[in-house]
């Protein structure tokens, strides 16, 4: 599901034109299952809607309804692509997930933003248990050494200020094939399956499969 409410763009990145989206679901025009758009890569997309003020300003009641709709979807797993920021929508949807993956680079602003997300997520998802429900993905790194450095900085801050560290689930190397796939509006693993970033994503997927998750993750 494209969870960047109001600024959805996953459908554009995938080169598909959905006839129904999350806006239709929330107005009752269709069910969430009816709004699923199949993709040849083997998954279905629940699209958002770009420029939708109503979605962007959705209140607590609407967000709770959205979570209930996601949990009722006839699918094995739900991957929720959240937008950046710490709005009510981002925090409520993140707290509903079984696992929050915080994708971070080594840029100082990205590290401070990631720490803020982890801190509030732990508050929103029940304090001590929140640490077990979040993990890092180091993005656009040169390799495992840089990924470990990114993880080390955040893990140390979480241990010192929050009382519990954060796990590094995986990393994705900087790879020119990633923006190339976006320009081609195709999934990276379909367009460039043997690229370094694609190999990293397969390792990350295997690590995710090893974690017992519930319905909405």
C-alpha atoms as a PDB file:
ATOM      1  CA  UNK A   1       0.000   0.000   0.000  1.00  0.00           C
ATOM      2  CA  UNK A   2       1.172   3.490  -0.840  1.00  0.00           C
ATOM      3  CA  UNK A   3       1.003   5.121   2.583  1.00  0.00           C
ATOM      4  CA  UNK A   4       2.315   8.524   1.541  1.00  0.00           C
ATOM      5  CA  UNK A   5      -1.127  10.043   1.990  1.00  0.00           C
ATOM      6  CA  UNK A   6      -1.708  13.007  -0.295  1.00  0.00           C
ATOM      7  CA  UNK A   7       1.566  12.560  -2.209  1.00  0.00           C
ATOM      8  CA  UNK A   8       1.244   8.993  -3.470  1.00  0.00           C
ATOM      9  CA  UNK A   9       3.522   8.015  -6.351  1.00  0.00           C
ATOM     10  CA  UNK A  10       4.153   4.252  -6.232  1.00  0.00           C
ATOM     11  CA  UNK A  11       1.785   3.724  -9.171  1.00  0.00           C
ATOM     12  CA  UNK A  12       3.806   6.226 -11.215  1.00  0.00           C
ATOM     13  CA  UNK A  13       7.074   4.515 -10.296  1.00  0.00           C
ATOM     14  CA  UNK A  14       5.603   1.187 -11.394  1.00  0.00           C
ATOM     15  CA  UNK A  15       4.135   2.555 -14.618  1.00  0.00           C
ATOM     16  CA  UNK A  16       0.560   1.515 -13.867  1.00  0.00           C
ATOM     17  CA  UNK A  17      -2.695   3.466 -14.062  1.00  0.00           C
ATOM     18  CA  UNK A  18      -5.106   2.223 -11.408  1.00  0.00           C
ATOM     19  CA  UNK A  19      -8.839   2.761 -11.824  1.00  0.00           C
ATOM     20  CA  UNK A  20      -9.472   2.665  -8.069  1.00  0.00           C
ATOM     21  CA  UNK A  21      -7.384   3.893  -5.174  1.00  0.00           C
ATOM     22  CA  UNK A  22      -7.408   4.477  -1.438  1.00  0.00           C
ATOM     23  CA  UNK A  23      -9.608   7.535  -1.845  1.00  0.00           C
ATOM     24  CA  UNK A  24     -12.334   5.380  -3.397  1.00  0.00           C
ATOM     25  CA  UNK A  25     -12.013   2.897  -0.533  1.00  0.00           C
ATOM     26  CA  UNK A  26     -12.399   5.490   2.201  1.00  0.00           C
ATOM     27  CA  UNK A  27     -15.469   7.064   0.547  1.00  0.00           C
ATOM     28  CA  UNK A  28     -17.121   3.649   0.255  1.00  0.00           C
ATOM     29  CA  UNK A  29     -17.024   3.545  -3.559  1.00  0.00           C
ATOM     30  CA  UNK A  30     -15.264   0.170  -3.419  1.00  0.00           C
ATOM     31  CA  UNK A  31     -13.675  -2.227  -0.964  1.00  0.00           C
ATOM     32  CA  UNK A  32      -9.955  -2.341  -0.294  1.00  0.00           C
ATOM     33  CA  UNK A  33      -9.772  -5.730  -2.031  1.00  0.00           C
ATOM     34  CA  UNK A  34     -11.507  -4.270  -5.109  1.00  0.00           C
ATOM     35  CA  UNK A  35      -8.943  -1.441  -5.216  1.00  0.00           C
ATOM     36  CA  UNK A  36      -5.978  -3.825  -5.386  1.00  0.00           C
ATOM     37  CA  UNK A  37      -4.163  -3.481  -8.710  1.00  0.00           C
ATOM     38  CA  UNK A  38      -2.217  -6.624  -9.700  1.00  0.00           C
ATOM     39  CA  UNK A  39       1.344  -6.212 -10.965  1.00  0.00           C
ATOM     40  CA  UNK A  40       3.146  -8.734 -13.202  1.00  0.00           C
ATOM     41  CA  UNK A  41       6.022  -8.915 -10.698  1.00  0.00           C
ATOM     42  CA  UNK A  42       3.784 -10.959  -8.396  1.00  0.00           C
ATOM     43  CA  UNK A  43       2.203  -8.495  -5.972  1.00  0.00           C
ATOM     44  CA  UNK A  44      -0.831  -6.217  -5.854  1.00  0.00           C
ATOM     45  CA  UNK A  45      -0.771  -2.482  -5.166  1.00  0.00           C
ATOM     46  CA  UNK A  46      -3.302  -0.555  -3.111  1.00  0.00           C
ATOM     47  CA  UNK A  47      -2.629   2.885  -4.625  1.00  0.00           C
ATOM     48  CA  UNK A  48      -2.890   6.199  -2.858  1.00  0.00           C
ATOM     49  CA  UNK A  49      -3.920   9.449  -4.501  1.00  0.00           C
ATOM     50  CA  UNK A  50      -1.635  12.380  -5.223  1.00  0.00           C
ATOM     51  CA  UNK A  51      -2.837  15.850  -4.272  1.00  0.00           C
ATOM     52  CA  UNK A  52      -5.706  14.560  -2.140  1.00  0.00           C
ATOM     53  CA  UNK A  53      -6.184  17.018   0.729  1.00  0.00           C
ATOM     54  CA  UNK A  54      -8.730  14.720   2.396  1.00  0.00           C
ATOM     55  CA  UNK A  55      -6.234  11.864   2.607  1.00  0.00           C
ATOM     56  CA  UNK A  56      -3.398  14.112   3.720  1.00  0.00           C
ATOM     57  CA  UNK A  57      -5.482  15.462   6.600  1.00  0.00           C
ATOM     58  CA  UNK A  58      -7.104  12.194   7.639  1.00  0.00           C
ATOM     59  CA  UNK A  59      -7.881  12.182  11.368  1.00  0.00           C
ATOM     60  CA  UNK A  60      -7.446   9.497  13.998  1.00  0.00           C
ATOM     61  CA  UNK A  61     -10.822   7.869  13.282  1.00  0.00           C
ATOM     62  CA  UNK A  62     -10.100   7.642   9.555  1.00  0.00           C
ATOM     63  CA  UNK A  63      -6.625   6.247  10.185  1.00  0.00           C
ATOM     64  CA  UNK A  64      -8.012   3.593  12.531  1.00  0.00           C
ATOM     65  CA  UNK A  65     -10.502   2.620   9.825  1.00  0.00           C
ATOM     66  CA  UNK A  66      -7.670   2.389   7.313  1.00  0.00           C
ATOM     67  CA  UNK A  67      -5.726   0.059   9.603  1.00  0.00           C
ATOM     68  CA  UNK A  68      -8.790  -2.156   9.971  1.00  0.00           C
ATOM     69  CA  UNK A  69      -9.177  -2.275   6.182  1.00  0.00           C
ATOM     70  CA  UNK A  70      -5.548  -3.296   5.759  1.00  0.00           C
ATOM     71  CA  UNK A  71      -5.840  -6.089   8.299  1.00  0.00           C
ATOM     72  CA  UNK A  72      -8.901  -7.430   6.484  1.00  0.00           C
ATOM     73  CA  UNK A  73      -7.204  -7.640   3.082  1.00  0.00           C
ATOM     74  CA  UNK A  74      -7.140 -11.175   1.583  1.00  0.00           C
ATOM     75  CA  UNK A  75      -3.331 -11.250   1.322  1.00  0.00           C
ATOM     76  CA  UNK A  76      -0.465 -12.920   3.173  1.00  0.00           C
ATOM     77  CA  UNK A  77       1.485  -9.763   4.008  1.00  0.00           C
ATOM     78  CA  UNK A  78       0.964  -6.036   3.736  1.00  0.00           C
ATOM     79  CA  UNK A  79       3.976  -3.840   2.950  1.00  0.00           C
ATOM     80  CA  UNK A  80       3.150  -0.263   3.842  1.00  0.00           C
ATOM     81  CA  UNK A  81       5.280   2.365   2.088  1.00  0.00           C
ATOM     82  CA  UNK A  82       5.168   5.391   4.388  1.00  0.00           C
ATOM     83  CA  UNK A  83       6.166   8.913   3.453  1.00  0.00           C
ATOM     84  CA  UNK A  84       8.760  10.899   5.336  1.00  0.00           C
ATOM     85  CA  UNK A  85       7.770  12.912   8.369  1.00  0.00           C
ATOM     86  CA  UNK A  86       6.202  12.548  11.801  1.00  0.00           C
ATOM     87  CA  UNK A  87       2.588  13.459  11.137  1.00  0.00           C
ATOM     88  CA  UNK A  88      -0.315  11.700  12.834  1.00  0.00           C
ATOM     89  CA  UNK A  89      -0.790   9.505   9.749  1.00  0.00           C
ATOM     90  CA  UNK A  90       2.819   8.327   9.600  1.00  0.00           C
ATOM     91  CA  UNK A  91       2.957   7.622  13.329  1.00  0.00           C
ATOM     92  CA  UNK A  92      -0.404   5.850  13.507  1.00  0.00           C
ATOM     93  CA  UNK A  93       0.293   3.612  10.519  1.00  0.00           C
ATOM     94  CA  UNK A  94       3.821   2.830  11.719  1.00  0.00           C
ATOM     95  CA  UNK A  95       2.529   1.895  15.167  1.00  0.00           C
ATOM     96  CA  UNK A  96       0.042  -0.523  13.596  1.00  0.00           C
ATOM     97  CA  UNK A  97       2.768  -2.426  11.753  1.00  0.00           C
ATOM     98  CA  UNK A  98       4.350  -5.579  13.133  1.00  0.00           C
ATOM     99  CA  UNK A  99       7.742  -4.246  12.066  1.00  0.00           C
ATOM    100  CA  UNK A 100       8.868  -0.744  11.128  1.00  0.00           C
ATOM    101  CA  UNK A 101      11.822  -0.617   8.740  1.00  0.00           C
ATOM    102  CA  UNK A 102      13.575   2.741   8.939  1.00  0.00           C
ATOM    103  CA  UNK A 103      15.511   3.321   5.718  1.00  0.00           C
ATOM    104  CA  UNK A 104      18.431   5.659   6.394  1.00  0.00           C
ATOM    105  CA  UNK A 105      21.568   7.002   4.721  1.00  0.00           C
ATOM    106  CA  UNK A 106      24.754   8.242   6.379  1.00  0.00           C
ATOM    107  CA  UNK A 107      23.861  11.915   5.916  1.00  0.00           C
ATOM    108  CA  UNK A 108      23.720  13.687   9.312  1.00  0.00           C
ATOM    109  CA  UNK A 109      20.188  14.985   8.736  1.00  0.00           C
ATOM    110  CA  UNK A 110      19.008  11.496   7.775  1.00  0.00           C
ATOM    111  CA  UNK A 111      20.510  10.044  10.963  1.00  0.00           C
ATOM    112  CA  UNK A 112      18.838  12.624  13.200  1.00  0.00           C
ATOM    113  CA  UNK A 113      15.505  12.141  11.412  1.00  0.00           C
ATOM    114  CA  UNK A 114      15.806   8.359  11.779  1.00  0.00           C
ATOM    115  CA  UNK A 115      16.481   8.686  15.498  1.00  0.00           C
ATOM    116  CA  UNK A 116      13.400  10.887  15.912  1.00  0.00           C
ATOM    117  CA  UNK A 117      11.271   8.316  14.073  1.00  0.00           C
ATOM    118  CA  UNK A 118      12.592   5.480  16.252  1.00  0.00           C
ATOM    119  CA  UNK A 119      12.077   7.459  19.447  1.00  0.00           C
ATOM    120  CA  UNK A 120       8.455   8.329  18.719  1.00  0.00           C
ATOM    121  CA  UNK A 121       7.712   4.861  17.341  1.00  0.00           C
ATOM    122  CA  UNK A 122       8.724   3.336  20.656  1.00  0.00           C
ATOM    123  CA  UNK A 123       6.402   5.701  22.460  1.00  0.00           C
ATOM    124  CA  UNK A 124       3.551   5.011  20.050  1.00  0.00           C
ATOM    125  CA  UNK A 125       3.928   1.229  20.038  1.00  0.00           C
ATOM    126  CA  UNK A 126       4.262   0.572  23.752  1.00  0.00           C
ATOM    127  CA  UNK A 127       7.616   1.662  25.158  1.00  0.00           C
ATOM    128  CA  UNK A 128      10.066  -1.205  25.674  1.00  0.00           C
ATOM    129  CA  UNK A 129       8.387  -3.485  23.126  1.00  0.00           C
ATOM    130  CA  UNK A 130       8.766  -0.788  20.469  1.00  0.00           C
ATOM    131  CA  UNK A 131      12.477  -1.518  20.146  1.00  0.00           C
ATOM    132  CA  UNK A 132      11.760  -5.074  19.044  1.00  0.00           C
ATOM    133  CA  UNK A 133       9.275  -3.806  16.477  1.00  0.00           C
ATOM    134  CA  UNK A 134      11.709  -1.654  14.511  1.00  0.00           C
ATOM    135  CA  UNK A 135      14.879  -2.207  12.504  1.00  0.00           C
ATOM    136  CA  UNK A 136      17.227  -0.314  10.206  1.00  0.00           C
ATOM    137  CA  UNK A 137      18.048  -0.614   6.539  1.00  0.00           C
ATOM    138  CA  UNK A 138      21.182   1.305   5.538  1.00  0.00           C
ATOM    139  CA  UNK A 139      20.551   2.710   2.070  1.00  0.00           C
ATOM    140  CA  UNK A 140      22.899   3.946  -0.663  1.00  0.00           C
ATOM    141  CA  UNK A 141      26.016   2.639   1.077  1.00  0.00           C
ATOM    142  CA  UNK A 142      29.275   1.435  -0.445  1.00  0.00           C
ATOM    143  CA  UNK A 143      29.043  -1.903   1.347  1.00  0.00           C
ATOM    144  CA  UNK A 144      28.780  -3.618   4.732  1.00  0.00           C
ATOM    145  CA  UNK A 145      31.478  -1.475   6.377  1.00  0.00           C
ATOM    146  CA  UNK A 146      29.593   1.755   5.732  1.00  0.00           C
ATOM    147  CA  UNK A 147      26.321   0.053   6.678  1.00  0.00           C
ATOM    148  CA  UNK A 148      27.839  -0.963  10.015  1.00  0.00           C
ATOM    149  CA  UNK A 149      28.963   2.634  10.573  1.00  0.00           C
ATOM    150  CA  UNK A 150      25.440   3.936   9.913  1.00  0.00           C
ATOM    151  CA  UNK A 151      24.004   1.336  12.255  1.00  0.00           C
ATOM    152  CA  UNK A 152      26.582   2.003  14.938  1.00  0.00           C
ATOM    153  CA  UNK A 153      25.741   5.690  15.165  1.00  0.00           C
ATOM    154  CA  UNK A 154      22.011   5.084  15.567  1.00  0.00           C
ATOM    155  CA  UNK A 155      22.363   2.018  17.762  1.00  0.00           C
ATOM    156  CA  UNK A 156      24.581   3.921  20.189  1.00  0.00           C
ATOM    157  CA  UNK A 157      22.124   6.834  20.374  1.00  0.00           C
ATOM    158  CA  UNK A 158      19.177   4.476  20.939  1.00  0.00           C
ATOM    159  CA  UNK A 159      21.008   2.577  23.675  1.00  0.00           C
ATOM    160  CA  UNK A 160      22.096   5.752  25.435  1.00  0.00           C
ATOM    161  CA  UNK A 161      18.861   7.748  25.255  1.00  0.00           C
ATOM    162  CA  UNK A 162      16.155   5.105  24.800  1.00  0.00           C
ATOM    163  CA  UNK A 163      17.617   2.221  26.802  1.00  0.00           C
ATOM    164  CA  UNK A 164      17.532  -0.267  23.932  1.00  0.00           C
ATOM    165  CA  UNK A 165      19.470  -0.506  20.677  1.00  0.00           C
ATOM    166  CA  UNK A 166      18.148  -1.019  17.163  1.00  0.00           C
ATOM    167  CA  UNK A 167      18.837  -3.961  14.859  1.00  0.00           C
ATOM    168  CA  UNK A 168      20.397  -3.621  11.411  1.00  0.00           C
ATOM    169  CA  UNK A 169      18.305  -5.855   9.164  1.00  0.00           C
ATOM    170  CA  UNK A 170      20.221  -5.214   5.959  1.00  0.00           C
ATOM    171  CA  UNK A 171      21.699  -2.702   3.556  1.00  0.00           C
ATOM    172  CA  UNK A 172      21.300  -1.609  -0.063  1.00  0.00           C
ATOM    173  CA  UNK A 173      24.349  -0.481  -1.993  1.00  0.00           C
ATOM    174  CA  UNK A 174      24.451   2.701  -4.031  1.00  0.00           C
ATOM    175  CA  UNK A 175      23.668   1.495  -7.536  1.00  0.00           C
ATOM    176  CA  UNK A 176      23.004   3.446 -10.736  1.00  0.00           C
ATOM    177  CA  UNK A 177      20.530   0.752 -11.768  1.00  0.00           C
ATOM    178  CA  UNK A 178      18.085   1.938  -9.078  1.00  0.00           C
ATOM    179  CA  UNK A 179      17.340   5.375 -10.608  1.00  0.00           C
ATOM    180  CA  UNK A 180      17.460   3.724 -14.043  1.00  0.00           C
ATOM    181  CA  UNK A 181      14.666   1.351 -13.004  1.00  0.00           C
ATOM    182  CA  UNK A 182      12.634   4.274 -11.615  1.00  0.00           C
ATOM    183  CA  UNK A 183      13.012   6.172 -14.898  1.00  0.00           C
ATOM    184  CA  UNK A 184      11.870   3.039 -16.729  1.00  0.00           C
ATOM    185  CA  UNK A 185       8.916   2.754 -14.303  1.00  0.00           C
ATOM    186  CA  UNK A 186       9.758  -0.859 -13.554  1.00  0.00           C
ATOM    187  CA  UNK A 187      10.676  -2.794 -10.386  1.00  0.00           C
ATOM    188  CA  UNK A 188      14.431  -3.058  -9.902  1.00  0.00           C
ATOM    189  CA  UNK A 189      14.356  -6.852  -9.515  1.00  0.00           C
ATOM    190  CA  UNK A 190      12.507  -7.149 -12.830  1.00  0.00           C
ATOM    191  CA  UNK A 191      14.488  -4.558 -14.776  1.00  0.00           C
ATOM    192  CA  UNK A 192      17.975  -5.261 -13.373  1.00  0.00           C
ATOM    193  CA  UNK A 193      17.761  -8.541 -11.409  1.00  0.00           C
ATOM    194  CA  UNK A 194      21.549  -9.046 -11.237  1.00  0.00           C
ATOM    195  CA  UNK A 195      22.471  -5.547 -10.099  1.00  0.00           C
ATOM    196  CA  UNK A 196      24.218  -5.075  -6.724  1.00  0.00           C
ATOM    197  CA  UNK A 197      21.180  -3.371  -5.169  1.00  0.00           C
ATOM    198  CA  UNK A 198      18.883  -6.163  -6.385  1.00  0.00           C
ATOM    199  CA  UNK A 199      21.121  -8.749  -4.731  1.00  0.00           C
ATOM    200  CA  UNK A 200      21.026  -6.742  -1.496  1.00  0.00           C
ATOM    201  CA  UNK A 201      17.233  -6.585  -1.646  1.00  0.00           C
ATOM    202  CA  UNK A 202      17.010 -10.368  -1.975  1.00  0.00           C
ATOM    203  CA  UNK A 203      19.156 -10.747   1.147  1.00  0.00           C
ATOM    204  CA  UNK A 204      16.945  -8.219   2.946  1.00  0.00           C
ATOM    205  CA  UNK A 205      13.813 -10.105   1.862  1.00  0.00           C
ATOM    206  CA  UNK A 206      15.266 -13.340   3.239  1.00  0.00           C
ATOM    207  CA  UNK A 207      15.967 -11.620   6.563  1.00  0.00           C
ATOM    208  CA  UNK A 208      12.373 -10.378   6.668  1.00  0.00           C
ATOM    209  CA  UNK A 209      10.999 -13.840   5.952  1.00  0.00           C
ATOM    210  CA  UNK A 210      12.924 -15.139   8.961  1.00  0.00           C
ATOM    211  CA  UNK A 211      11.007 -12.791  11.284  1.00  0.00           C
ATOM    212  CA  UNK A 212       7.561 -13.999  12.432  1.00  0.00           C
ATOM    213  CA  UNK A 213       5.115 -11.289  11.414  1.00  0.00           C
ATOM    214  CA  UNK A 214       1.369 -10.913  11.646  1.00  0.00           C
ATOM    215  CA  UNK A 215      -1.128  -9.737   9.043  1.00  0.00           C
ATOM    216  CA  UNK A 216      -0.305  -6.052   8.729  1.00  0.00           C
ATOM    217  CA  UNK A 217       3.434  -5.416   8.358  1.00  0.00           C
END
